[in-house]
């Protein structure tokens, strides 16, 4: 089995790049684009871009934009398994990107977090070598129940599972303990530095990575332009530098890391080699607008 199954969010991104600080109560000039996004969908696209042979994505979208997202995923080499929601619109994120390429999100989860256990079938795991869950699923009751069902099915089938905590803001609202309890049983975790701190209380990413890897056997903490740290079974096993690039938009860099990391692992790479592949993809991601690989 070589297939990757991603269960996660499909989002319409409205990316606004502003070269000057936001001016309250008046206009700020910006370059604005409407693009397909979502942490789960982005990771799937980067996995396909990185050579993963079969990538599928299960997510829930509104009927308003289902066709557009289906076509975008197929163009990226991902097989969409999109559930259309008759009562909610597709999730939308407004991404405000400043002159340093740092992004701030305004998020309307829409249909994405309405993914329900009825949308899941254990038969989806047939031919799957790895299941990846977007952490956004854990932030609402229906989608959290779906993630737990998928995780349980994968474990029973002997299929490894990874989780990306996805959002420091939503993670703080949910609570670290609730997230860690829900994600228990996953074999790998891909937090960024802020998420790792929230989940452990450790100020330093290295200490946080070591602590998390006592619960999740493999942890890769992304550090933005500083690369990533890899920990396995309680000990750091590698520090990886990120290629130096000129960033234009940091949206989706972590998703690119995750997708490329998983593709490399499925191709036989060890954890540090996979993190190197992830950092290369993350560096490429910040040089383009939006969270998907360039055409």
C-alpha atoms as a PDB file:
ATOM      1  CA  UNK A   1       0.000   0.000   0.000  1.00  0.00           C
ATOM      2  CA  UNK A   2       1.338   3.424  -0.936  1.00  0.00           C
ATOM      3  CA  UNK A   3      -1.711   5.670  -0.778  1.00  0.00           C
ATOM      4  CA  UNK A   4      -2.136   8.725   1.421  1.00  0.00           C
ATOM      5  CA  UNK A   5      -5.593   9.637   2.696  1.00  0.00           C
ATOM      6  CA  UNK A   6      -6.049  13.142   4.084  1.00  0.00           C
ATOM      7  CA  UNK A   7      -9.164  14.047   6.050  1.00  0.00           C
ATOM      8  CA  UNK A   8      -9.478  17.752   6.560  1.00  0.00           C
ATOM      9  CA  UNK A   9     -10.604  21.179   5.534  1.00  0.00           C
ATOM     10  CA  UNK A  10     -11.233  22.584   2.085  1.00  0.00           C
ATOM     11  CA  UNK A  11     -11.313  26.377   2.138  1.00  0.00           C
ATOM     12  CA  UNK A  12     -11.685  29.335  -0.161  1.00  0.00           C
ATOM     13  CA  UNK A  13      -8.839  31.721   0.644  1.00  0.00           C
ATOM     14  CA  UNK A  14      -9.101  35.444   0.063  1.00  0.00           C
ATOM     15  CA  UNK A  15      -5.476  36.567   0.284  1.00  0.00           C
ATOM     16  CA  UNK A  16      -4.879  40.281   0.788  1.00  0.00           C
ATOM     17  CA  UNK A  17      -1.238  41.374   0.634  1.00  0.00           C
ATOM     18  CA  UNK A  18      -0.734  44.868   2.007  1.00  0.00           C
ATOM     19  CA  UNK A  19       2.660  46.534   1.842  1.00  0.00           C
ATOM     20  CA  UNK A  20       1.839  49.115   4.490  1.00  0.00           C
ATOM     21  CA  UNK A  21       0.277  48.691   7.943  1.00  0.00           C
ATOM     22  CA  UNK A  22      -3.505  48.441   8.071  1.00  0.00           C
ATOM     23  CA  UNK A  23      -5.083  51.880   8.425  1.00  0.00           C
ATOM     24  CA  UNK A  24      -8.082  51.682  10.788  1.00  0.00           C
ATOM     25  CA  UNK A  25     -11.348  53.277   9.634  1.00  0.00           C
ATOM     26  CA  UNK A  26     -10.101  53.977   6.106  1.00  0.00           C
ATOM     27  CA  UNK A  27      -8.535  52.329   3.055  1.00  0.00           C
ATOM     28  CA  UNK A  28      -5.327  50.335   2.842  1.00  0.00           C
ATOM     29  CA  UNK A  29      -4.037  49.440  -0.622  1.00  0.00           C
ATOM     30  CA  UNK A  30      -3.679  45.694  -1.168  1.00  0.00           C
ATOM     31  CA  UNK A  31      -3.259  42.998  -3.803  1.00  0.00           C
ATOM     32  CA  UNK A  32      -6.206  40.622  -3.369  1.00  0.00           C
ATOM     33  CA  UNK A  33      -6.632  37.126  -4.813  1.00  0.00           C
ATOM     34  CA  UNK A  34      -9.225  34.387  -4.387  1.00  0.00           C
ATOM     35  CA  UNK A  35      -7.533  30.974  -4.215  1.00  0.00           C
ATOM     36  CA  UNK A  36      -8.293  27.398  -3.158  1.00  0.00           C
ATOM     37  CA  UNK A  37      -6.877  26.541   0.253  1.00  0.00           C
ATOM     38  CA  UNK A  38      -7.420  24.752   3.556  1.00  0.00           C
ATOM     39  CA  UNK A  39      -4.771  23.058   5.690  1.00  0.00           C
ATOM     40  CA  UNK A  40      -5.861  19.541   4.806  1.00  0.00           C
ATOM     41  CA  UNK A  41      -6.328  20.284   1.114  1.00  0.00           C
ATOM     42  CA  UNK A  42      -3.026  22.153   0.899  1.00  0.00           C
ATOM     43  CA  UNK A  43      -1.115  19.290   2.542  1.00  0.00           C
ATOM     44  CA  UNK A  44      -2.687  16.815   0.112  1.00  0.00           C
ATOM     45  CA  UNK A  45      -1.669  18.953  -2.865  1.00  0.00           C
ATOM     46  CA  UNK A  46       1.908  19.305  -1.639  1.00  0.00           C
ATOM     47  CA  UNK A  47       2.110  15.542  -1.042  1.00  0.00           C
ATOM     48  CA  UNK A  48       1.041  14.941  -4.625  1.00  0.00           C
ATOM     49  CA  UNK A  49       3.504  17.579  -5.849  1.00  0.00           C
ATOM     50  CA  UNK A  50       6.251  15.813  -3.851  1.00  0.00           C
ATOM     51  CA  UNK A  51       5.749  12.505  -5.630  1.00  0.00           C
ATOM     52  CA  UNK A  52       3.232  10.660  -3.474  1.00  0.00           C
ATOM     53  CA  UNK A  53       1.606   8.280  -5.929  1.00  0.00           C
ATOM     54  CA  UNK A  54      -2.000   8.215  -4.734  1.00  0.00           C
ATOM     55  CA  UNK A  55      -3.414  11.041  -2.640  1.00  0.00           C
ATOM     56  CA  UNK A  56      -7.082  11.318  -1.680  1.00  0.00           C
ATOM     57  CA  UNK A  57      -8.823  14.047   0.285  1.00  0.00           C
ATOM     58  CA  UNK A  58     -12.043  13.768   2.258  1.00  0.00           C
ATOM     59  CA  UNK A  59     -13.629  17.092   3.141  1.00  0.00           C
ATOM     60  CA  UNK A  60     -16.953  18.887   3.291  1.00  0.00           C
ATOM     61  CA  UNK A  61     -17.790  21.892   1.123  1.00  0.00           C
ATOM     62  CA  UNK A  62     -20.789  24.005   0.295  1.00  0.00           C
ATOM     63  CA  UNK A  63     -22.563  23.364  -2.970  1.00  0.00           C
ATOM     64  CA  UNK A  64     -21.662  26.925  -3.959  1.00  0.00           C
ATOM     65  CA  UNK A  65     -18.025  26.150  -4.759  1.00  0.00           C
ATOM     66  CA  UNK A  66     -17.805  22.358  -4.839  1.00  0.00           C
ATOM     67  CA  UNK A  67     -17.049  22.199  -8.567  1.00  0.00           C
ATOM     68  CA  UNK A  68     -14.303  24.813  -8.381  1.00  0.00           C
ATOM     69  CA  UNK A  69     -12.558  23.027  -5.519  1.00  0.00           C
ATOM     70  CA  UNK A  70     -12.966  19.614  -7.165  1.00  0.00           C
ATOM     71  CA  UNK A  71     -11.278  20.849 -10.333  1.00  0.00           C
ATOM     72  CA  UNK A  72      -8.455  22.571  -8.427  1.00  0.00           C
ATOM     73  CA  UNK A  73      -7.683  19.422  -6.449  1.00  0.00           C
ATOM     74  CA  UNK A  74      -7.688  17.233  -9.555  1.00  0.00           C
ATOM     75  CA  UNK A  75      -5.327  19.622 -11.340  1.00  0.00           C
ATOM     76  CA  UNK A  76      -2.967  19.278  -8.369  1.00  0.00           C
ATOM     77  CA  UNK A  77      -2.995  15.471  -8.636  1.00  0.00           C
ATOM     78  CA  UNK A  78      -5.335  14.834  -5.696  1.00  0.00           C
ATOM     79  CA  UNK A  79      -8.430  12.645  -5.911  1.00  0.00           C
ATOM     80  CA  UNK A  80     -11.226  14.632  -4.210  1.00  0.00           C
ATOM     81  CA  UNK A  81     -13.798  12.929  -1.992  1.00  0.00           C
ATOM     82  CA  UNK A  82     -15.911  16.009  -1.366  1.00  0.00           C
ATOM     83  CA  UNK A  83     -19.159  15.915   0.575  1.00  0.00           C
ATOM     84  CA  UNK A  84     -21.546  18.689  -0.477  1.00  0.00           C
ATOM     85  CA  UNK A  85     -23.366  20.495   2.320  1.00  0.00           C
ATOM     86  CA  UNK A  86     -26.791  21.830   1.391  1.00  0.00           C
ATOM     87  CA  UNK A  87     -27.040  24.072   4.452  1.00  0.00           C
ATOM     88  CA  UNK A  88     -23.629  25.734   4.759  1.00  0.00           C
ATOM     89  CA  UNK A  89     -21.287  27.532   2.425  1.00  0.00           C
ATOM     90  CA  UNK A  90     -17.694  26.499   1.797  1.00  0.00           C
ATOM     91  CA  UNK A  91     -15.293  27.582   4.538  1.00  0.00           C
ATOM     92  CA  UNK A  92     -13.680  30.946   3.839  1.00  0.00           C
ATOM     93  CA  UNK A  93     -10.493  32.444   5.221  1.00  0.00           C
ATOM     94  CA  UNK A  94      -9.397  36.026   4.753  1.00  0.00           C
ATOM     95  CA  UNK A  95      -5.615  35.981   4.925  1.00  0.00           C
ATOM     96  CA  UNK A  96      -4.044  39.355   5.686  1.00  0.00           C
ATOM     97  CA  UNK A  97      -0.403  39.216   4.622  1.00  0.00           C
ATOM     98  CA  UNK A  98       1.872  42.055   5.685  1.00  0.00           C
ATOM     99  CA  UNK A  99       5.113  43.362   4.193  1.00  0.00           C
ATOM    100  CA  UNK A 100       7.151  40.740   6.064  1.00  0.00           C
ATOM    101  CA  UNK A 101       5.008  37.936   4.499  1.00  0.00           C
ATOM    102  CA  UNK A 102       3.460  37.115   7.906  1.00  0.00           C
ATOM    103  CA  UNK A 103      -0.203  36.190   7.662  1.00  0.00           C
ATOM    104  CA  UNK A 104      -3.173  36.729   9.973  1.00  0.00           C
ATOM    105  CA  UNK A 105      -6.364  34.766   9.391  1.00  0.00           C
ATOM    106  CA  UNK A 106     -10.032  35.661   9.704  1.00  0.00           C
ATOM    107  CA  UNK A 107     -11.822  32.322   9.536  1.00  0.00           C
ATOM    108  CA  UNK A 108     -15.388  31.316   8.720  1.00  0.00           C
ATOM    109  CA  UNK A 109     -15.334  27.518   9.061  1.00  0.00           C
ATOM    110  CA  UNK A 110     -18.566  27.068   7.107  1.00  0.00           C
ATOM    111  CA  UNK A 111     -19.088  23.510   5.904  1.00  0.00           C
ATOM    112  CA  UNK A 112     -15.550  22.320   6.750  1.00  0.00           C
ATOM    113  CA  UNK A 113     -16.164  21.552  10.429  1.00  0.00           C
ATOM    114  CA  UNK A 114     -19.581  20.027   9.681  1.00  0.00           C
ATOM    115  CA  UNK A 115     -17.861  16.890   8.379  1.00  0.00           C
ATOM    116  CA  UNK A 116     -19.792  14.207  10.252  1.00  0.00           C
ATOM    117  CA  UNK A 117     -19.275  10.539  11.140  1.00  0.00           C
ATOM    118  CA  UNK A 118     -21.912   9.737   8.497  1.00  0.00           C
ATOM    119  CA  UNK A 119     -19.455  11.083   5.905  1.00  0.00           C
ATOM    120  CA  UNK A 120     -16.845   8.496   6.909  1.00  0.00           C
ATOM    121  CA  UNK A 121     -16.570   4.805   5.993  1.00  0.00           C
ATOM    122  CA  UNK A 122     -13.795   2.464   7.086  1.00  0.00           C
ATOM    123  CA  UNK A 123     -13.719   1.268   3.474  1.00  0.00           C
ATOM    124  CA  UNK A 124     -11.944   4.546   2.674  1.00  0.00           C
ATOM    125  CA  UNK A 125      -8.886   2.983   4.299  1.00  0.00           C
ATOM    126  CA  UNK A 126      -8.617   0.264   1.656  1.00  0.00           C
ATOM    127  CA  UNK A 127      -5.296   0.724  -0.135  1.00  0.00           C
ATOM    128  CA  UNK A 128      -4.224   3.410   2.333  1.00  0.00           C
ATOM    129  CA  UNK A 129      -0.699   3.338   3.731  1.00  0.00           C
ATOM    130  CA  UNK A 130      -1.087   6.460   5.877  1.00  0.00           C
ATOM    131  CA  UNK A 131      -3.938   8.581   7.234  1.00  0.00           C
ATOM    132  CA  UNK A 132      -3.395  12.270   7.914  1.00  0.00           C
ATOM    133  CA  UNK A 133      -5.867  14.354   9.916  1.00  0.00           C
ATOM    134  CA  UNK A 134      -6.006  18.134   9.779  1.00  0.00           C
ATOM    135  CA  UNK A 135      -6.163  19.525  13.290  1.00  0.00           C
ATOM    136  CA  UNK A 136      -8.975  21.882  12.301  1.00  0.00           C
ATOM    137  CA  UNK A 137     -11.282  18.874  12.541  1.00  0.00           C
ATOM    138  CA  UNK A 138     -10.699  18.736  16.298  1.00  0.00           C
ATOM    139  CA  UNK A 139     -12.141  22.198  16.915  1.00  0.00           C
ATOM    140  CA  UNK A 140     -15.854  21.376  16.460  1.00  0.00           C
ATOM    141  CA  UNK A 141     -17.896  18.487  17.811  1.00  0.00           C
ATOM    142  CA  UNK A 142     -19.121  16.942  14.506  1.00  0.00           C
ATOM    143  CA  UNK A 143     -15.760  16.980  12.755  1.00  0.00           C
ATOM    144  CA  UNK A 144     -13.949  15.903  15.939  1.00  0.00           C
ATOM    145  CA  UNK A 145     -16.183  12.836  16.132  1.00  0.00           C
ATOM    146  CA  UNK A 146     -15.346  12.103  12.494  1.00  0.00           C
ATOM    147  CA  UNK A 147     -11.618  12.443  13.133  1.00  0.00           C
ATOM    148  CA  UNK A 148     -11.846  10.095  16.115  1.00  0.00           C
ATOM    149  CA  UNK A 149     -13.741   7.526  14.089  1.00  0.00           C
ATOM    150  CA  UNK A 150     -11.196   7.700  11.270  1.00  0.00           C
ATOM    151  CA  UNK A 151      -8.299   7.457  13.724  1.00  0.00           C
ATOM    152  CA  UNK A 152      -9.864   4.453  15.415  1.00  0.00           C
ATOM    153  CA  UNK A 153     -10.489   2.714  12.094  1.00  0.00           C
ATOM    154  CA  UNK A 154      -6.918   3.306  10.956  1.00  0.00           C
ATOM    155  CA  UNK A 155      -5.451   1.990  14.193  1.00  0.00           C
ATOM    156  CA  UNK A 156      -7.586  -1.144  13.981  1.00  0.00           C
ATOM    157  CA  UNK A 157      -6.343  -1.659  10.422  1.00  0.00           C
ATOM    158  CA  UNK A 158      -2.708  -1.108  11.440  1.00  0.00           C
ATOM    159  CA  UNK A 159      -2.416   2.099   9.409  1.00  0.00           C
ATOM    160  CA  UNK A 160      -0.272   4.896  10.916  1.00  0.00           C
ATOM    161  CA  UNK A 161      -1.902   8.252  11.548  1.00  0.00           C
ATOM    162  CA  UNK A 162      -0.487  11.771  11.701  1.00  0.00           C
ATOM    163  CA  UNK A 163      -2.073  14.987  12.953  1.00  0.00           C
ATOM    164  CA  UNK A 164      -1.319  18.661  12.318  1.00  0.00           C
ATOM    165  CA  UNK A 165      -2.593  20.805  15.244  1.00  0.00           C
ATOM    166  CA  UNK A 166      -3.336  23.500  12.636  1.00  0.00           C
ATOM    167  CA  UNK A 167      -4.133  26.647  14.661  1.00  0.00           C
ATOM    168  CA  UNK A 168      -2.657  28.073  17.831  1.00  0.00           C
ATOM    169  CA  UNK A 169      -5.664  30.355  18.232  1.00  0.00           C
ATOM    170  CA  UNK A 170      -8.272  27.594  17.991  1.00  0.00           C
ATOM    171  CA  UNK A 171      -6.059  25.229  19.986  1.00  0.00           C
ATOM    172  CA  UNK A 172      -5.923  27.708  22.857  1.00  0.00           C
ATOM    173  CA  UNK A 173      -9.702  27.989  22.817  1.00  0.00           C
ATOM    174  CA  UNK A 174     -10.203  24.198  22.808  1.00  0.00           C
ATOM    175  CA  UNK A 175      -7.542  23.501  25.434  1.00  0.00           C
ATOM    176  CA  UNK A 176      -4.328  21.520  25.138  1.00  0.00           C
ATOM    177  CA  UNK A 177      -5.539  18.615  27.257  1.00  0.00           C
ATOM    178  CA  UNK A 178      -8.677  18.118  25.158  1.00  0.00           C
ATOM    179  CA  UNK A 179      -6.667  18.174  21.956  1.00  0.00           C
ATOM    180  CA  UNK A 180      -4.038  15.752  23.224  1.00  0.00           C
ATOM    181  CA  UNK A 181      -6.710  13.359  24.457  1.00  0.00           C
ATOM    182  CA  UNK A 182      -8.511  13.450  21.111  1.00  0.00           C
ATOM    183  CA  UNK A 183      -5.312  12.938  19.103  1.00  0.00           C
ATOM    184  CA  UNK A 184      -4.074  10.077  21.276  1.00  0.00           C
ATOM    185  CA  UNK A 185      -3.077   7.101  19.172  1.00  0.00           C
ATOM    186  CA  UNK A 186      -1.611   9.111  16.318  1.00  0.00           C
ATOM    187  CA  UNK A 187       1.936   8.096  15.439  1.00  0.00           C
ATOM    188  CA  UNK A 188       3.153  11.523  14.280  1.00  0.00           C
ATOM    189  CA  UNK A 189       2.456  15.152  15.137  1.00  0.00           C
ATOM    190  CA  UNK A 190       3.409  18.256  13.111  1.00  0.00           C
ATOM    191  CA  UNK A 191       2.971  21.391  15.259  1.00  0.00           C
ATOM    192  CA  UNK A 192       4.576  24.734  14.661  1.00  0.00           C
ATOM    193  CA  UNK A 193       6.531  26.320  17.501  1.00  0.00           C
ATOM    194  CA  UNK A 194       3.552  28.210  18.951  1.00  0.00           C
ATOM    195  CA  UNK A 195       1.356  25.114  18.890  1.00  0.00           C
ATOM    196  CA  UNK A 196       4.095  23.012  20.480  1.00  0.00           C
ATOM    197  CA  UNK A 197       4.432  25.533  23.319  1.00  0.00           C
ATOM    198  CA  UNK A 198       0.674  25.536  23.922  1.00  0.00           C
ATOM    199  CA  UNK A 199       0.531  21.751  23.974  1.00  0.00           C
ATOM    200  CA  UNK A 200       3.394  21.316  26.449  1.00  0.00           C
ATOM    201  CA  UNK A 201       3.944  24.541  28.375  1.00  0.00           C
ATOM    202  CA  UNK A 202       7.609  24.359  27.322  1.00  0.00           C
ATOM    203  CA  UNK A 203       9.081  27.679  26.241  1.00  0.00           C
ATOM    204  CA  UNK A 204      11.696  26.169  23.938  1.00  0.00           C
ATOM    205  CA  UNK A 205      10.675  24.224  20.802  1.00  0.00           C
ATOM    206  CA  UNK A 206      13.326  21.558  21.409  1.00  0.00           C
ATOM    207  CA  UNK A 207      12.000  20.780  24.872  1.00  0.00           C
ATOM    208  CA  UNK A 208       8.437  20.848  23.522  1.00  0.00           C
ATOM    209  CA  UNK A 209       9.359  18.427  20.725  1.00  0.00           C
ATOM    210  CA  UNK A 210      10.955  16.035  23.196  1.00  0.00           C
ATOM    211  CA  UNK A 211       7.950  16.196  25.507  1.00  0.00           C
ATOM    212  CA  UNK A 212       5.435  15.614  22.723  1.00  0.00           C
ATOM    213  CA  UNK A 213       7.408  12.695  21.322  1.00  0.00           C
ATOM    214  CA  UNK A 214       6.828  10.807  24.556  1.00  0.00           C
ATOM    215  CA  UNK A 215       3.151  10.688  23.554  1.00  0.00           C
ATOM    216  CA  UNK A 216       3.472  10.723  19.768  1.00  0.00           C
ATOM    217  CA  UNK A 217       6.451   8.586  18.658  1.00  0.00           C
ATOM    218  CA  UNK A 218       7.463  11.027  15.908  1.00  0.00           C
ATOM    219  CA  UNK A 219       7.221  14.810  16.225  1.00  0.00           C
ATOM    220  CA  UNK A 220       8.439  17.457  13.805  1.00  0.00           C
ATOM    221  CA  UNK A 221       8.140  21.020  15.096  1.00  0.00           C
ATOM    222  CA  UNK A 222       8.356  23.609  12.329  1.00  0.00           C
ATOM    223  CA  UNK A 223      10.262  26.802  13.090  1.00  0.00           C
ATOM    224  CA  UNK A 224       9.523  28.962  10.051  1.00  0.00           C
ATOM    225  CA  UNK A 225      12.663  30.340   8.456  1.00  0.00           C
ATOM    226  CA  UNK A 226      14.745  28.484  11.061  1.00  0.00           C
ATOM    227  CA  UNK A 227      13.716  25.065   9.749  1.00  0.00           C
ATOM    228  CA  UNK A 228      12.456  22.248  11.934  1.00  0.00           C
ATOM    229  CA  UNK A 229      13.371  20.039  14.861  1.00  0.00           C
ATOM    230  CA  UNK A 230      12.629  16.312  14.841  1.00  0.00           C
ATOM    231  CA  UNK A 231      12.119  14.261  18.001  1.00  0.00           C
ATOM    232  CA  UNK A 232      11.453  10.547  18.318  1.00  0.00           C
ATOM    233  CA  UNK A 233      10.519   8.636  21.438  1.00  0.00           C
ATOM    234  CA  UNK A 234      11.534  11.417  23.808  1.00  0.00           C
ATOM    235  CA  UNK A 235      14.789  12.570  22.200  1.00  0.00           C
ATOM    236  CA  UNK A 236      15.727  15.025  19.477  1.00  0.00           C
ATOM    237  CA  UNK A 237      17.073  13.132  16.470  1.00  0.00           C
ATOM    238  CA  UNK A 238      17.667  16.008  14.092  1.00  0.00           C
ATOM    239  CA  UNK A 239      17.722  19.755  13.453  1.00  0.00           C
ATOM    240  CA  UNK A 240      17.033  20.767   9.869  1.00  0.00           C
ATOM    241  CA  UNK A 241      17.752  24.162   8.340  1.00  0.00           C
ATOM    242  CA  UNK A 242      15.373  25.812   5.909  1.00  0.00           C
ATOM    243  CA  UNK A 243      16.644  27.050   2.533  1.00  0.00           C
ATOM    244  CA  UNK A 244      17.067  30.804   2.415  1.00  0.00           C
ATOM    245  CA  UNK A 245      14.419  32.425   0.213  1.00  0.00           C
ATOM    246  CA  UNK A 246      12.699  35.781  -0.202  1.00  0.00           C
ATOM    247  CA  UNK A 247       9.191  35.251   1.209  1.00  0.00           C
ATOM    248  CA  UNK A 248       6.039  36.828  -0.200  1.00  0.00           C
ATOM    249  CA  UNK A 249       3.326  34.928   1.703  1.00  0.00           C
ATOM    250  CA  UNK A 250       3.717  32.488   4.594  1.00  0.00           C
ATOM    251  CA  UNK A 251       0.210  31.050   4.081  1.00  0.00           C
ATOM    252  CA  UNK A 252       0.399  27.262   3.811  1.00  0.00           C
ATOM    253  CA  UNK A 253       4.104  26.848   4.584  1.00  0.00           C
ATOM    254  CA  UNK A 254       3.359  24.373   7.363  1.00  0.00           C
ATOM    255  CA  UNK A 255       0.956  22.482   5.096  1.00  0.00           C
ATOM    256  CA  UNK A 256       3.688  22.227   2.469  1.00  0.00           C
ATOM    257  CA  UNK A 257       6.061  20.846   5.096  1.00  0.00           C
ATOM    258  CA  UNK A 258       3.505  18.245   6.150  1.00  0.00           C
ATOM    259  CA  UNK A 259       2.674  17.121   2.628  1.00  0.00           C
ATOM    260  CA  UNK A 260       6.288  16.788   1.545  1.00  0.00           C
ATOM    261  CA  UNK A 261       7.260  15.101   4.830  1.00  0.00           C
ATOM    262  CA  UNK A 262       4.568  12.453   4.382  1.00  0.00           C
ATOM    263  CA  UNK A 263       5.436  11.867   0.736  1.00  0.00           C
ATOM    264  CA  UNK A 264       9.087  11.343   1.662  1.00  0.00           C
ATOM    265  CA  UNK A 265       8.221   8.947   4.484  1.00  0.00           C
ATOM    266  CA  UNK A 266       5.993   6.899   2.203  1.00  0.00           C
ATOM    267  CA  UNK A 267       8.901   6.720  -0.250  1.00  0.00           C
ATOM    268  CA  UNK A 268      11.145   5.244   2.474  1.00  0.00           C
ATOM    269  CA  UNK A 269      12.924   8.297   3.916  1.00  0.00           C
ATOM    270  CA  UNK A 270      13.846   8.432   7.585  1.00  0.00           C
ATOM    271  CA  UNK A 271      12.384  11.174   9.765  1.00  0.00           C
ATOM    272  CA  UNK A 272      15.247  13.638   9.323  1.00  0.00           C
ATOM    273  CA  UNK A 273      15.349  13.144   5.553  1.00  0.00           C
ATOM    274  CA  UNK A 274      11.593  13.671   5.477  1.00  0.00           C
ATOM    275  CA  UNK A 275      11.973  16.893   7.475  1.00  0.00           C
ATOM    276  CA  UNK A 276      14.559  18.100   4.971  1.00  0.00           C
ATOM    277  CA  UNK A 277      12.051  17.482   2.177  1.00  0.00           C
ATOM    278  CA  UNK A 278       9.419  19.277   4.225  1.00  0.00           C
ATOM    279  CA  UNK A 279      11.641  22.312   4.745  1.00  0.00           C
ATOM    280  CA  UNK A 280      12.383  22.526   1.021  1.00  0.00           C
ATOM    281  CA  UNK A 281       8.668  22.483   0.251  1.00  0.00           C
ATOM    282  CA  UNK A 282       7.927  25.021   2.978  1.00  0.00           C
ATOM    283  CA  UNK A 283      10.586  27.339   1.576  1.00  0.00           C
ATOM    284  CA  UNK A 284       9.053  27.064  -1.884  1.00  0.00           C
ATOM    285  CA  UNK A 285       5.588  27.697  -0.464  1.00  0.00           C
ATOM    286  CA  UNK A 286       6.481  31.080   0.995  1.00  0.00           C
ATOM    287  CA  UNK A 287       7.663  32.324  -2.405  1.00  0.00           C
ATOM    288  CA  UNK A 288       4.185  32.053  -3.939  1.00  0.00           C
ATOM    289  CA  UNK A 289       0.846  33.614  -2.992  1.00  0.00           C
ATOM    290  CA  UNK A 290      -1.578  31.214  -1.309  1.00  0.00           C
ATOM    291  CA  UNK A 291      -1.135  27.788   0.240  1.00  0.00           C
ATOM    292  CA  UNK A 292      -0.980  25.513  -2.805  1.00  0.00           C
ATOM    293  CA  UNK A 293       1.995  24.466  -4.963  1.00  0.00           C
ATOM    294  CA  UNK A 294       2.616  26.636  -8.031  1.00  0.00           C
ATOM    295  CA  UNK A 295       1.235  25.243 -11.322  1.00  0.00           C
END
